[in-house]
Amino acid sequence: MFIICWIIIKWTPTGSTFMPAALNSFVHIIMYAYYCLAALGSRFRRYLWWKRYLTALQLLQFALGLAWGAQAIINKCEYPPWLCYLGTTYMLPFLYLFGRFYAQKYTKTALNKHKY
């Protein structure tokens, strides 16, 4: 991630860079709040009911990032196409892996397996 951020800031410090970075920062603030509560111990477990929604938020972030990159490619924005392809290629494995995790952990089939 650090290398991608450096490339984007070095070659394209434009307004098109703001939305994905702001969305990523927002998700990370929520994610680290969750990790903070989890690290505080078992007394705080009752406040961690929203892990499922955090994963859904991360999936939404990756989907929006893909859509942002795709629209920049389709509309031929001022953003260099190679960076759009890099960003969308970077998002695809995350979308797949987080989607797989969500399906295995939170879908009806997965929830029924854990009941027994």
C-alpha atoms as a PDB file:
ATOM      1  CA  MET A   1       0.000   0.000   0.000  1.00  0.00           C
ATOM      2  CA  PHE A   2       2.825   2.400   0.840  1.00  0.00           C
ATOM      3  CA  ILE A   3       4.364   2.035  -2.627  1.00  0.00           C
ATOM      4  CA  ILE A   4       1.016   2.628  -4.353  1.00  0.00           C
ATOM      5  CA  CYS A   5       0.397   5.749  -2.239  1.00  0.00           C
ATOM      6  CA  TRP A   6       3.863   7.066  -3.069  1.00  0.00           C
ATOM      7  CA  ILE A   7       3.342   6.467  -6.809  1.00  0.00           C
ATOM      8  CA  ILE A   8      -0.032   8.237  -6.750  1.00  0.00           C
ATOM      9  CA  ILE A   9       1.274  11.260  -4.822  1.00  0.00           C
ATOM     10  CA  LYS A  10       4.408  11.501  -6.986  1.00  0.00           C
ATOM     11  CA  TRP A  11       2.729  11.260 -10.400  1.00  0.00           C
ATOM     12  CA  THR A  12      -0.895  12.319  -9.951  1.00  0.00           C
ATOM     13  CA  PRO A  13      -1.571  14.604  -6.993  1.00  0.00           C
ATOM     14  CA  THR A  14      -5.059  15.470  -8.287  1.00  0.00           C
ATOM     15  CA  GLY A  15      -8.557  15.673  -6.886  1.00  0.00           C
ATOM     16  CA  SER A  16      -9.250  12.209  -8.288  1.00  0.00           C
ATOM     17  CA  THR A  17      -6.895  10.851  -5.661  1.00  0.00           C
ATOM     18  CA  PHE A  18      -8.915  12.285  -2.775  1.00  0.00           C
ATOM     19  CA  MET A  19     -12.030  10.076  -2.788  1.00  0.00           C
ATOM     20  CA  PRO A  20     -10.370   6.648  -2.558  1.00  0.00           C
ATOM     21  CA  ALA A  21      -7.887   7.932   0.031  1.00  0.00           C
ATOM     22  CA  ALA A  22     -10.620   9.556   2.142  1.00  0.00           C
ATOM     23  CA  LEU A  23     -12.769   6.427   1.993  1.00  0.00           C
ATOM     24  CA  ASN A  24      -9.802   4.260   2.961  1.00  0.00           C
ATOM     25  CA  SER A  25      -8.992   6.554   5.899  1.00  0.00           C
ATOM     26  CA  PHE A  26     -12.608   6.486   7.106  1.00  0.00           C
ATOM     27  CA  VAL A  27     -12.728   2.684   7.014  1.00  0.00           C
ATOM     28  CA  HIS A  28      -9.391   2.418   8.818  1.00  0.00           C
ATOM     29  CA  ILE A  29     -10.545   4.726  11.621  1.00  0.00           C
ATOM     30  CA  ILE A  30     -13.510   2.438  12.248  1.00  0.00           C
ATOM     31  CA  MET A  31     -11.377  -0.679  11.856  1.00  0.00           C
ATOM     32  CA  TYR A  32      -8.779   0.472  14.383  1.00  0.00           C
ATOM     33  CA  ALA A  33     -11.517   1.480  16.827  1.00  0.00           C
ATOM     34  CA  TYR A  34     -12.709  -2.130  16.635  1.00  0.00           C
ATOM     35  CA  TYR A  35      -9.164  -3.443  17.182  1.00  0.00           C
ATOM     36  CA  CYS A  36      -8.716  -1.094  20.142  1.00  0.00           C
ATOM     37  CA  LEU A  37     -11.852  -2.433  21.822  1.00  0.00           C
ATOM     38  CA  ALA A  38     -10.794  -6.010  21.067  1.00  0.00           C
ATOM     39  CA  ALA A  39      -7.357  -5.400  22.593  1.00  0.00           C
ATOM     40  CA  LEU A  40      -8.859  -4.055  25.820  1.00  0.00           C
ATOM     41  CA  GLY A  41      -9.878  -7.556  26.829  1.00  0.00           C
ATOM     42  CA  SER A  42     -12.909  -9.670  27.545  1.00  0.00           C
ATOM     43  CA  ARG A  43     -14.751  -6.897  29.405  1.00  0.00           C
ATOM     44  CA  PHE A  44     -15.279  -5.175  26.076  1.00  0.00           C
ATOM     45  CA  ARG A  45     -16.426  -8.206  24.038  1.00  0.00           C
ATOM     46  CA  ARG A  46     -20.049  -7.164  24.295  1.00  0.00           C
ATOM     47  CA  TYR A  47     -19.168  -4.024  22.332  1.00  0.00           C
ATOM     48  CA  LEU A  48     -17.741  -6.023  19.417  1.00  0.00           C
ATOM     49  CA  TRP A  49     -21.036  -7.171  17.914  1.00  0.00           C
ATOM     50  CA  TRP A  50     -20.415  -5.083  14.800  1.00  0.00           C
ATOM     51  CA  LYS A  51     -17.500  -7.072  13.305  1.00  0.00           C
ATOM     52  CA  ARG A  52     -19.801  -8.360  10.545  1.00  0.00           C
ATOM     53  CA  TYR A  53     -20.709  -4.805   9.572  1.00  0.00           C
ATOM     54  CA  LEU A  54     -17.064  -3.762   9.566  1.00  0.00           C
ATOM     55  CA  THR A  55     -16.321  -6.503   7.048  1.00  0.00           C
ATOM     56  CA  ALA A  56     -19.310  -5.373   4.964  1.00  0.00           C
ATOM     57  CA  LEU A  57     -17.968  -1.801   5.086  1.00  0.00           C
ATOM     58  CA  GLN A  58     -14.596  -3.020   3.844  1.00  0.00           C
ATOM     59  CA  LEU A  59     -16.306  -4.880   0.996  1.00  0.00           C
ATOM     60  CA  LEU A  60     -18.186  -1.706   0.118  1.00  0.00           C
ATOM     61  CA  GLN A  61     -14.912   0.231   0.129  1.00  0.00           C
ATOM     62  CA  PHE A  62     -13.328  -2.197  -2.338  1.00  0.00           C
ATOM     63  CA  ALA A  63     -16.409  -2.211  -4.581  1.00  0.00           C
ATOM     64  CA  LEU A  64     -16.499   1.604  -4.620  1.00  0.00           C
ATOM     65  CA  GLY A  65     -12.761   1.697  -5.325  1.00  0.00           C
ATOM     66  CA  LEU A  66     -13.260  -0.609  -8.297  1.00  0.00           C
ATOM     67  CA  ALA A  67     -16.163   1.495  -9.536  1.00  0.00           C
ATOM     68  CA  TRP A  68     -14.090   4.667  -9.122  1.00  0.00           C
ATOM     69  CA  GLY A  69     -11.234   3.192 -11.139  1.00  0.00           C
ATOM     70  CA  ALA A  70     -13.558   1.787 -13.807  1.00  0.00           C
ATOM     71  CA  GLN A  71     -15.355   5.087 -14.322  1.00  0.00           C
ATOM     72  CA  ALA A  72     -12.011   6.882 -14.621  1.00  0.00           C
ATOM     73  CA  ILE A  73     -10.932   4.416 -17.323  1.00  0.00           C
ATOM     74  CA  ILE A  74     -14.270   4.504 -19.179  1.00  0.00           C
ATOM     75  CA  ASN A  75     -14.617   8.307 -19.056  1.00  0.00           C
ATOM     76  CA  LYS A  76     -10.942   8.876 -19.893  1.00  0.00           C
ATOM     77  CA  CYS A  77     -10.388  11.160 -16.911  1.00  0.00           C
ATOM     78  CA  GLU A  78      -7.223  13.199 -16.447  1.00  0.00           C
ATOM     79  CA  TYR A  79      -5.947  10.386 -14.253  1.00  0.00           C
ATOM     80  CA  PRO A  80      -3.305   8.211 -15.976  1.00  0.00           C
ATOM     81  CA  PRO A  81      -4.943   4.970 -17.150  1.00  0.00           C
ATOM     82  CA  TRP A  82      -2.051   2.821 -15.930  1.00  0.00           C
ATOM     83  CA  LEU A  83      -2.706   4.025 -12.367  1.00  0.00           C
ATOM     84  CA  CYS A  84      -6.401   3.202 -12.718  1.00  0.00           C
ATOM     85  CA  TYR A  85      -5.496  -0.288 -13.881  1.00  0.00           C
ATOM     86  CA  LEU A  86      -3.023  -0.630 -11.019  1.00  0.00           C
ATOM     87  CA  GLY A  87      -5.636   0.463  -8.477  1.00  0.00           C
ATOM     88  CA  THR A  88      -8.378  -1.786  -9.796  1.00  0.00           C
ATOM     89  CA  THR A  89      -5.983  -4.732 -10.041  1.00  0.00           C
ATOM     90  CA  TYR A  90      -4.924  -4.054  -6.449  1.00  0.00           C
ATOM     91  CA  MET A  91      -8.573  -4.026  -5.262  1.00  0.00           C
ATOM     92  CA  LEU A  92      -9.671  -7.264  -6.952  1.00  0.00           C
ATOM     93  CA  PRO A  93      -7.860  -9.719  -4.645  1.00  0.00           C
ATOM     94  CA  PHE A  94      -9.075  -7.807  -1.578  1.00  0.00           C
ATOM     95  CA  LEU A  95     -12.651  -7.890  -2.811  1.00  0.00           C
ATOM     96  CA  TYR A  96     -12.369 -11.622  -3.460  1.00  0.00           C
ATOM     97  CA  LEU A  97     -10.685 -12.472  -0.149  1.00  0.00           C
ATOM     98  CA  PHE A  98     -12.921 -10.304   2.025  1.00  0.00           C
ATOM     99  CA  GLY A  99     -15.980 -11.545   0.126  1.00  0.00           C
ATOM    100  CA  ARG A 100     -14.935 -15.137   0.679  1.00  0.00           C
ATOM    101  CA  PHE A 101     -14.334 -14.479   4.376  1.00  0.00           C
ATOM    102  CA  TYR A 102     -17.725 -12.797   4.706  1.00  0.00           C
ATOM    103  CA  ALA A 103     -19.496 -15.671   2.944  1.00  0.00           C
ATOM    104  CA  GLN A 104     -17.754 -18.303   5.077  1.00  0.00           C
ATOM    105  CA  LYS A 105     -18.327 -16.479   8.329  1.00  0.00           C
ATOM    106  CA  TYR A 106     -21.647 -14.653   8.045  1.00  0.00           C
ATOM    107  CA  THR A 107     -23.930 -16.221   5.434  1.00  0.00           C
ATOM    108  CA  LYS A 108     -26.897 -18.334   6.483  1.00  0.00           C
ATOM    109  CA  THR A 109     -25.094 -21.579   5.629  1.00  0.00           C
ATOM    110  CA  ALA A 110     -22.053 -20.594   7.692  1.00  0.00           C
ATOM    111  CA  LEU A 111     -24.200 -19.485  10.628  1.00  0.00           C
ATOM    112  CA  ASN A 112     -26.132 -22.780  10.578  1.00  0.00           C
ATOM    113  CA  LYS A 113     -22.866 -24.774  10.701  1.00  0.00           C
ATOM    114  CA  HIS A 114     -21.791 -22.970  13.875  1.00  0.00           C
ATOM    115  CA  LYS A 115     -25.072 -23.611  15.688  1.00  0.00           C
ATOM    116  CA  TYR A 116     -24.397 -27.337  16.107  1.00  0.00           C
END
